[in-house]
Amino acid sequence: MPTGIETTKQALDDFQKIQRHMLIAKEENATKTYESLKDDYLIIKAFLQVSGVNITDIDKIKE
């Protein structure tokens, strides 16, 4: 069973990856892809905030 820190690390990795894909989708005007990724982005962002992670500096999307 993963520890809290392992779960948070995985969420941070996923957050970074989703943001990267969102930025590419936005650049390519792939609006459906962007909106689909945004759902995952918001869920992981909420999890990290509830976990006490300050994502201000790493959040490139700012939504």
C-alpha atoms as a PDB file:
ATOM      1  CA  MET A   1       0.000   0.000   0.000  1.00  0.00           C
ATOM      2  CA  PRO A   2       1.479   3.383  -0.980  1.00  0.00           C
ATOM      3  CA  THR A   3       2.274   5.925   1.689  1.00  0.00           C
ATOM      4  CA  GLY A   4       0.895   9.459   1.709  1.00  0.00           C
ATOM      5  CA  ILE A   5       4.137  10.849   0.347  1.00  0.00           C
ATOM      6  CA  GLU A   6       4.191   8.281  -2.481  1.00  0.00           C
ATOM      7  CA  THR A   7       0.609   9.147  -3.405  1.00  0.00           C
ATOM      8  CA  THR A   8       1.402  12.854  -3.357  1.00  0.00           C
ATOM      9  CA  LYS A   9       4.529  12.323  -5.473  1.00  0.00           C
ATOM     10  CA  GLN A  10       2.493  10.404  -8.056  1.00  0.00           C
ATOM     11  CA  ALA A  11      -0.138  13.163  -8.083  1.00  0.00           C
ATOM     12  CA  LEU A  12       2.574  15.794  -8.617  1.00  0.00           C
ATOM     13  CA  ASP A  13       4.038  13.777 -11.494  1.00  0.00           C
ATOM     14  CA  ASP A  14       0.568  13.404 -13.041  1.00  0.00           C
ATOM     15  CA  PHE A  15      -0.138  17.113 -12.517  1.00  0.00           C
ATOM     16  CA  GLN A  16       3.058  18.047 -14.357  1.00  0.00           C
ATOM     17  CA  LYS A  17       2.325  15.649 -17.227  1.00  0.00           C
ATOM     18  CA  ILE A  18      -1.280  16.814 -17.626  1.00  0.00           C
ATOM     19  CA  GLN A  19      -0.201  20.464 -17.647  1.00  0.00           C
ATOM     20  CA  ARG A  20       2.362  19.738 -20.360  1.00  0.00           C
ATOM     21  CA  HIS A  21      -0.278  18.029 -22.517  1.00  0.00           C
ATOM     22  CA  MET A  22      -2.784  20.836 -21.871  1.00  0.00           C
ATOM     23  CA  LEU A  23      -0.294  23.455 -23.036  1.00  0.00           C
ATOM     24  CA  ILE A  24       0.395  21.471 -26.215  1.00  0.00           C
ATOM     25  CA  ALA A  25      -3.336  21.011 -26.845  1.00  0.00           C
ATOM     26  CA  LYS A  26      -3.938  24.727 -26.360  1.00  0.00           C
ATOM     27  CA  GLU A  27      -1.103  25.591 -28.756  1.00  0.00           C
ATOM     28  CA  GLU A  28      -2.567  23.228 -31.379  1.00  0.00           C
ATOM     29  CA  ASN A  29      -6.133  24.512 -30.805  1.00  0.00           C
ATOM     30  CA  ALA A  30      -7.212  21.001 -29.815  1.00  0.00           C
ATOM     31  CA  THR A  31     -10.125  22.269 -27.723  1.00  0.00           C
ATOM     32  CA  LYS A  32     -11.758  18.875 -27.091  1.00  0.00           C
ATOM     33  CA  THR A  33      -8.461  17.392 -25.936  1.00  0.00           C
ATOM     34  CA  TYR A  34      -7.791  20.435 -23.739  1.00  0.00           C
ATOM     35  CA  GLU A  35     -11.201  20.209 -22.078  1.00  0.00           C
ATOM     36  CA  SER A  36     -10.793  16.478 -21.483  1.00  0.00           C
ATOM     37  CA  LEU A  37      -7.401  17.006 -19.853  1.00  0.00           C
ATOM     38  CA  LYS A  38      -8.816  19.905 -17.827  1.00  0.00           C
ATOM     39  CA  ASP A  39     -11.125  17.496 -15.969  1.00  0.00           C
ATOM     40  CA  ASP A  40      -8.125  15.456 -14.780  1.00  0.00           C
ATOM     41  CA  TYR A  41      -6.169  18.643 -14.065  1.00  0.00           C
ATOM     42  CA  LEU A  42      -8.873  19.998 -11.761  1.00  0.00           C
ATOM     43  CA  ILE A  43      -9.222  16.722  -9.854  1.00  0.00           C
ATOM     44  CA  ILE A  44      -5.477  16.392  -9.259  1.00  0.00           C
ATOM     45  CA  LYS A  45      -5.205  20.091  -8.398  1.00  0.00           C
ATOM     46  CA  ALA A  46      -7.934  19.704  -5.767  1.00  0.00           C
ATOM     47  CA  PHE A  47      -6.245  16.591  -4.333  1.00  0.00           C
ATOM     48  CA  LEU A  48      -2.904  18.384  -4.047  1.00  0.00           C
ATOM     49  CA  GLN A  49      -4.478  21.416  -2.402  1.00  0.00           C
ATOM     50  CA  VAL A  50      -6.340  19.253   0.131  1.00  0.00           C
ATOM     51  CA  SER A  51      -3.058  17.433   0.783  1.00  0.00           C
ATOM     52  CA  GLY A  52      -1.468  20.753   1.705  1.00  0.00           C
ATOM     53  CA  VAL A  53       0.783  21.046  -1.351  1.00  0.00           C
ATOM     54  CA  ASN A  54       1.423  24.637  -2.413  1.00  0.00           C
ATOM     55  CA  ILE A  55       1.105  24.450  -6.188  1.00  0.00           C
ATOM     56  CA  THR A  56       1.293  28.189  -6.824  1.00  0.00           C
ATOM     57  CA  ASP A  57       4.749  28.039  -8.363  1.00  0.00           C
ATOM     58  CA  ILE A  58       4.241  24.875 -10.402  1.00  0.00           C
ATOM     59  CA  ASP A  59       0.765  25.615 -11.765  1.00  0.00           C
ATOM     60  CA  LYS A  60       1.367  26.802 -15.334  1.00  0.00           C
ATOM     61  CA  ILE A  61      -2.313  26.735 -16.336  1.00  0.00           C
ATOM     62  CA  LYS A  62      -3.708  28.968 -13.535  1.00  0.00           C
ATOM     63  CA  GLU A  63      -7.330  27.827 -13.920  1.00  0.00           C
END
